[in-house]
Amino acid sequence: MIEKFTKEVVEVMSKEELQEAVLTLQLKLETAEKEIERLKVEAEIGKKYLEYLRAEAKRLINLVHKESPLLKLVDNADVDTLKQIIDDFSKKAKEIYKPSSTFATDTQKEPLQLTKEDLMKMSYKDLLKLAETFKTKELA
């Protein structure tokens, strides 16, 4: 019904047709405004997600390679490329930063046997866990 509102078209329309056209246009406008608001929210979420992916990619690249030329590319990469970079460098980082020591858990049946070298290789976090293990065994 509504194609183009030229002066000639408006002049030949009845009052009822004009009112109906105005109502239709108002509904379309409201729908379009709601869609714009929804898209703004989704765009903001997308921006935050992209920022997160860029930061994570840069963090992992820095873990594996200091001052890599890839860092310059991250700022212009799309989401799929960033995900691939994160996957690749996450695997590389896990290989480089493998845990250097392990210690017995509460479920082990054998007594815990650690050498001085084992203790020296353990991270601070692992040493704290080991200390907690001894505390809970003393209380039991």
C-alpha atoms as a PDB file:
ATOM      1  CA  MET A   1       0.000   0.000   0.000  1.00  0.00           C
ATOM      2  CA  ILE A   2       2.716   2.481   0.967  1.00  0.00           C
ATOM      3  CA  GLU A   3       5.223   3.045  -1.786  1.00  0.00           C
ATOM      4  CA  LYS A   4       6.275   6.676  -1.859  1.00  0.00           C
ATOM      5  CA  PHE A   5       4.590   9.643  -0.301  1.00  0.00           C
ATOM      6  CA  THR A   6       4.720  12.277  -2.961  1.00  0.00           C
ATOM      7  CA  LYS A   7       2.579  15.383  -2.849  1.00  0.00           C
ATOM      8  CA  GLU A   8       0.253  13.928  -5.488  1.00  0.00           C
ATOM      9  CA  VAL A   9      -0.197  10.624  -3.636  1.00  0.00           C
ATOM     10  CA  VAL A  10      -0.961  12.335  -0.330  1.00  0.00           C
ATOM     11  CA  GLU A  11      -3.500  14.651  -1.968  1.00  0.00           C
ATOM     12  CA  VAL A  12      -5.545  11.756  -3.362  1.00  0.00           C
ATOM     13  CA  MET A  13      -5.499   9.678  -0.142  1.00  0.00           C
ATOM     14  CA  SER A  14      -8.505   9.823   2.137  1.00  0.00           C
ATOM     15  CA  LYS A  15      -8.192  10.835   5.780  1.00  0.00           C
ATOM     16  CA  GLU A  16      -8.573   7.206   6.883  1.00  0.00           C
ATOM     17  CA  GLU A  17      -5.857   6.042   4.464  1.00  0.00           C
ATOM     18  CA  LEU A  18      -3.511   8.730   5.733  1.00  0.00           C
ATOM     19  CA  GLN A  19      -4.180   7.777   9.360  1.00  0.00           C
ATOM     20  CA  GLU A  20      -3.582   4.117   8.556  1.00  0.00           C
ATOM     21  CA  ALA A  21      -0.354   4.968   6.744  1.00  0.00           C
ATOM     22  CA  VAL A  22       0.865   7.072   9.676  1.00  0.00           C
ATOM     23  CA  LEU A  23       0.080   4.271  12.164  1.00  0.00           C
ATOM     24  CA  THR A  24       1.866   1.742   9.972  1.00  0.00           C
ATOM     25  CA  LEU A  25       4.913   3.987   9.723  1.00  0.00           C
ATOM     26  CA  GLN A  26       4.918   4.583  13.485  1.00  0.00           C
ATOM     27  CA  LEU A  27       4.866   0.838  14.131  1.00  0.00           C
ATOM     28  CA  LYS A  28       7.691   0.298  11.657  1.00  0.00           C
ATOM     29  CA  LEU A  29       9.672   3.092  13.304  1.00  0.00           C
ATOM     30  CA  GLU A  30       9.175   1.621  16.800  1.00  0.00           C
ATOM     31  CA  THR A  31      10.221  -1.808  15.553  1.00  0.00           C
ATOM     32  CA  ALA A  32      13.291  -0.369  13.859  1.00  0.00           C
ATOM     33  CA  GLU A  33      14.259   1.584  17.009  1.00  0.00           C
ATOM     34  CA  LYS A  34      13.958  -1.545  19.168  1.00  0.00           C
ATOM     35  CA  GLU A  35      16.091  -3.472  16.686  1.00  0.00           C
ATOM     36  CA  ILE A  36      18.707  -0.707  16.736  1.00  0.00           C
ATOM     37  CA  GLU A  37      18.856  -0.818  20.545  1.00  0.00           C
ATOM     38  CA  ARG A  38      19.193  -4.610  20.522  1.00  0.00           C
ATOM     39  CA  LEU A  39      21.972  -4.411  17.937  1.00  0.00           C
ATOM     40  CA  LYS A  40      23.788  -1.735  19.956  1.00  0.00           C
ATOM     41  CA  VAL A  41      23.831  -4.045  22.983  1.00  0.00           C
ATOM     42  CA  GLU A  42      25.083  -6.965  20.883  1.00  0.00           C
ATOM     43  CA  ALA A  43      27.709  -4.763  19.227  1.00  0.00           C
ATOM     44  CA  GLU A  44      28.993  -3.706  22.650  1.00  0.00           C
ATOM     45  CA  ILE A  45      29.214  -7.349  23.734  1.00  0.00           C
ATOM     46  CA  GLY A  46      31.060  -8.138  20.516  1.00  0.00           C
ATOM     47  CA  LYS A  47      33.536  -5.311  21.105  1.00  0.00           C
ATOM     48  CA  LYS A  48      34.261  -6.525  24.627  1.00  0.00           C
ATOM     49  CA  TYR A  49      34.714 -10.092  23.382  1.00  0.00           C
ATOM     50  CA  LEU A  50      37.101  -8.911  20.673  1.00  0.00           C
ATOM     51  CA  GLU A  51      39.084  -6.896  23.247  1.00  0.00           C
ATOM     52  CA  TYR A  52      39.295  -9.971  25.467  1.00  0.00           C
ATOM     53  CA  LEU A  53      40.503 -12.157  22.580  1.00  0.00           C
ATOM     54  CA  ARG A  54      43.145  -9.579  21.602  1.00  0.00           C
ATOM     55  CA  ALA A  55      44.416  -9.285  25.168  1.00  0.00           C
ATOM     56  CA  GLU A  56      44.524 -13.068  25.591  1.00  0.00           C
ATOM     57  CA  ALA A  57      46.322 -13.530  22.253  1.00  0.00           C
ATOM     58  CA  LYS A  58      48.914 -10.891  23.208  1.00  0.00           C
ATOM     59  CA  ARG A  59      49.417 -12.467  26.630  1.00  0.00           C
ATOM     60  CA  LEU A  60      50.020 -15.918  25.150  1.00  0.00           C
ATOM     61  CA  ILE A  61      52.291 -14.622  22.397  1.00  0.00           C
ATOM     62  CA  ASN A  62      54.368 -12.805  25.027  1.00  0.00           C
ATOM     63  CA  LEU A  63      54.613 -15.990  27.064  1.00  0.00           C
ATOM     64  CA  VAL A  64      55.991 -17.906  24.099  1.00  0.00           C
ATOM     65  CA  HIS A  65      57.874 -15.199  22.154  1.00  0.00           C
ATOM     66  CA  LYS A  66      58.931 -11.879  23.607  1.00  0.00           C
ATOM     67  CA  GLU A  67      58.598  -9.017  21.111  1.00  0.00           C
ATOM     68  CA  SER A  68      57.048 -11.120  18.368  1.00  0.00           C
ATOM     69  CA  PRO A  69      55.960  -9.408  15.125  1.00  0.00           C
ATOM     70  CA  LEU A  70      52.653 -11.220  15.578  1.00  0.00           C
ATOM     71  CA  LEU A  71      51.759  -8.730  18.310  1.00  0.00           C
ATOM     72  CA  LYS A  72      51.271  -6.034  15.664  1.00  0.00           C
ATOM     73  CA  LEU A  73      48.902  -8.260  13.685  1.00  0.00           C
ATOM     74  CA  VAL A  74      46.668  -9.039  16.651  1.00  0.00           C
ATOM     75  CA  ASP A  75      45.097  -5.575  16.686  1.00  0.00           C
ATOM     76  CA  ASN A  76      43.687  -6.048  13.178  1.00  0.00           C
ATOM     77  CA  ALA A  77      42.860  -9.764  13.344  1.00  0.00           C
ATOM     78  CA  ASP A  78      39.309 -11.050  13.108  1.00  0.00           C
ATOM     79  CA  VAL A  79      37.679 -13.283  15.718  1.00  0.00           C
ATOM     80  CA  ASP A  80      38.465 -16.581  13.963  1.00  0.00           C
ATOM     81  CA  THR A  81      42.119 -15.654  13.534  1.00  0.00           C
ATOM     82  CA  LEU A  82      42.374 -14.602  17.183  1.00  0.00           C
ATOM     83  CA  LYS A  83      40.821 -17.895  18.320  1.00  0.00           C
ATOM     84  CA  GLN A  84      43.338 -19.810  16.218  1.00  0.00           C
ATOM     85  CA  ILE A  85      46.246 -17.779  17.623  1.00  0.00           C
ATOM     86  CA  ILE A  86      44.990 -18.392  21.157  1.00  0.00           C
ATOM     87  CA  ASP A  87      44.642 -22.140  20.534  1.00  0.00           C
ATOM     88  CA  ASP A  88      48.092 -22.433  18.944  1.00  0.00           C
ATOM     89  CA  PHE A  89      49.949 -20.332  21.491  1.00  0.00           C
ATOM     90  CA  SER A  90      48.093 -21.885  24.411  1.00  0.00           C
ATOM     91  CA  LYS A  91      49.423 -25.292  23.352  1.00  0.00           C
ATOM     92  CA  LYS A  92      52.940 -23.874  22.917  1.00  0.00           C
ATOM     93  CA  ALA A  93      52.804 -22.153  26.306  1.00  0.00           C
ATOM     94  CA  LYS A  94      51.662 -25.373  28.002  1.00  0.00           C
ATOM     95  CA  GLU A  95      54.623 -27.188  26.446  1.00  0.00           C
ATOM     96  CA  ILE A  96      57.088 -24.517  27.546  1.00  0.00           C
ATOM     97  CA  TYR A  97      55.674 -24.092  31.044  1.00  0.00           C
ATOM     98  CA  LYS A  98      55.026 -27.697  32.036  1.00  0.00           C
ATOM     99  CA  PRO A  99      54.874 -28.260  35.780  1.00  0.00           C
ATOM    100  CA  SER A 100      58.363 -29.171  36.895  1.00  0.00           C
ATOM    101  CA  SER A 101      57.313 -31.268  39.845  1.00  0.00           C
ATOM    102  CA  THR A 102      54.492 -33.327  41.186  1.00  0.00           C
ATOM    103  CA  PHE A 103      53.835 -34.589  44.641  1.00  0.00           C
ATOM    104  CA  ALA A 104      51.664 -37.231  46.226  1.00  0.00           C
ATOM    105  CA  THR A 105      47.974 -36.653  46.704  1.00  0.00           C
ATOM    106  CA  ASP A 106      45.836 -37.744  49.613  1.00  0.00           C
ATOM    107  CA  THR A 107      44.556 -40.705  47.595  1.00  0.00           C
ATOM    108  CA  GLN A 108      47.993 -42.298  47.241  1.00  0.00           C
ATOM    109  CA  LYS A 109      48.653 -45.415  49.250  1.00  0.00           C
ATOM    110  CA  GLU A 110      52.460 -45.168  49.250  1.00  0.00           C
ATOM    111  CA  PRO A 111      54.218 -42.733  51.580  1.00  0.00           C
ATOM    112  CA  LEU A 112      55.387 -39.484  50.066  1.00  0.00           C
ATOM    113  CA  GLN A 113      59.047 -39.652  49.027  1.00  0.00           C
ATOM    114  CA  LEU A 114      60.662 -36.401  47.979  1.00  0.00           C
ATOM    115  CA  THR A 115      64.336 -35.632  47.605  1.00  0.00           C
ATOM    116  CA  LYS A 116      65.955 -32.302  48.335  1.00  0.00           C
ATOM    117  CA  GLU A 117      66.185 -31.736  44.565  1.00  0.00           C
ATOM    118  CA  ASP A 118      62.435 -32.408  44.196  1.00  0.00           C
ATOM    119  CA  LEU A 119      61.670 -29.814  46.847  1.00  0.00           C
ATOM    120  CA  MET A 120      64.003 -27.268  45.223  1.00  0.00           C
ATOM    121  CA  LYS A 121      62.246 -27.708  41.863  1.00  0.00           C
ATOM    122  CA  MET A 122      58.753 -27.260  43.286  1.00  0.00           C
ATOM    123  CA  SER A 123      56.944 -23.989  42.795  1.00  0.00           C
ATOM    124  CA  TYR A 124      55.922 -21.904  45.752  1.00  0.00           C
ATOM    125  CA  LYS A 125      52.293 -22.832  45.133  1.00  0.00           C
ATOM    126  CA  ASP A 126      53.137 -26.549  45.169  1.00  0.00           C
ATOM    127  CA  LEU A 127      55.152 -26.106  48.374  1.00  0.00           C
ATOM    128  CA  LEU A 128      52.145 -24.473  50.041  1.00  0.00           C
ATOM    129  CA  LYS A 129      49.944 -27.396  48.955  1.00  0.00           C
ATOM    130  CA  LEU A 130      52.496 -29.830  50.326  1.00  0.00           C
ATOM    131  CA  ALA A 131      52.581 -27.966  53.636  1.00  0.00           C
ATOM    132  CA  GLU A 132      48.767 -28.145  53.811  1.00  0.00           C
ATOM    133  CA  THR A 133      48.952 -31.894  53.142  1.00  0.00           C
ATOM    134  CA  PHE A 134      51.269 -32.345  56.129  1.00  0.00           C
ATOM    135  CA  LYS A 135      49.068 -30.173  58.358  1.00  0.00           C
ATOM    136  CA  THR A 136      45.926 -32.140  57.570  1.00  0.00           C
ATOM    137  CA  LYS A 137      47.732 -35.453  58.141  1.00  0.00           C
ATOM    138  CA  GLU A 138      48.991 -34.231  61.551  1.00  0.00           C
ATOM    139  CA  LEU A 139      45.432 -33.354  62.572  1.00  0.00           C
ATOM    140  CA  ALA A 140      44.053 -36.721  61.477  1.00  0.00           C
END
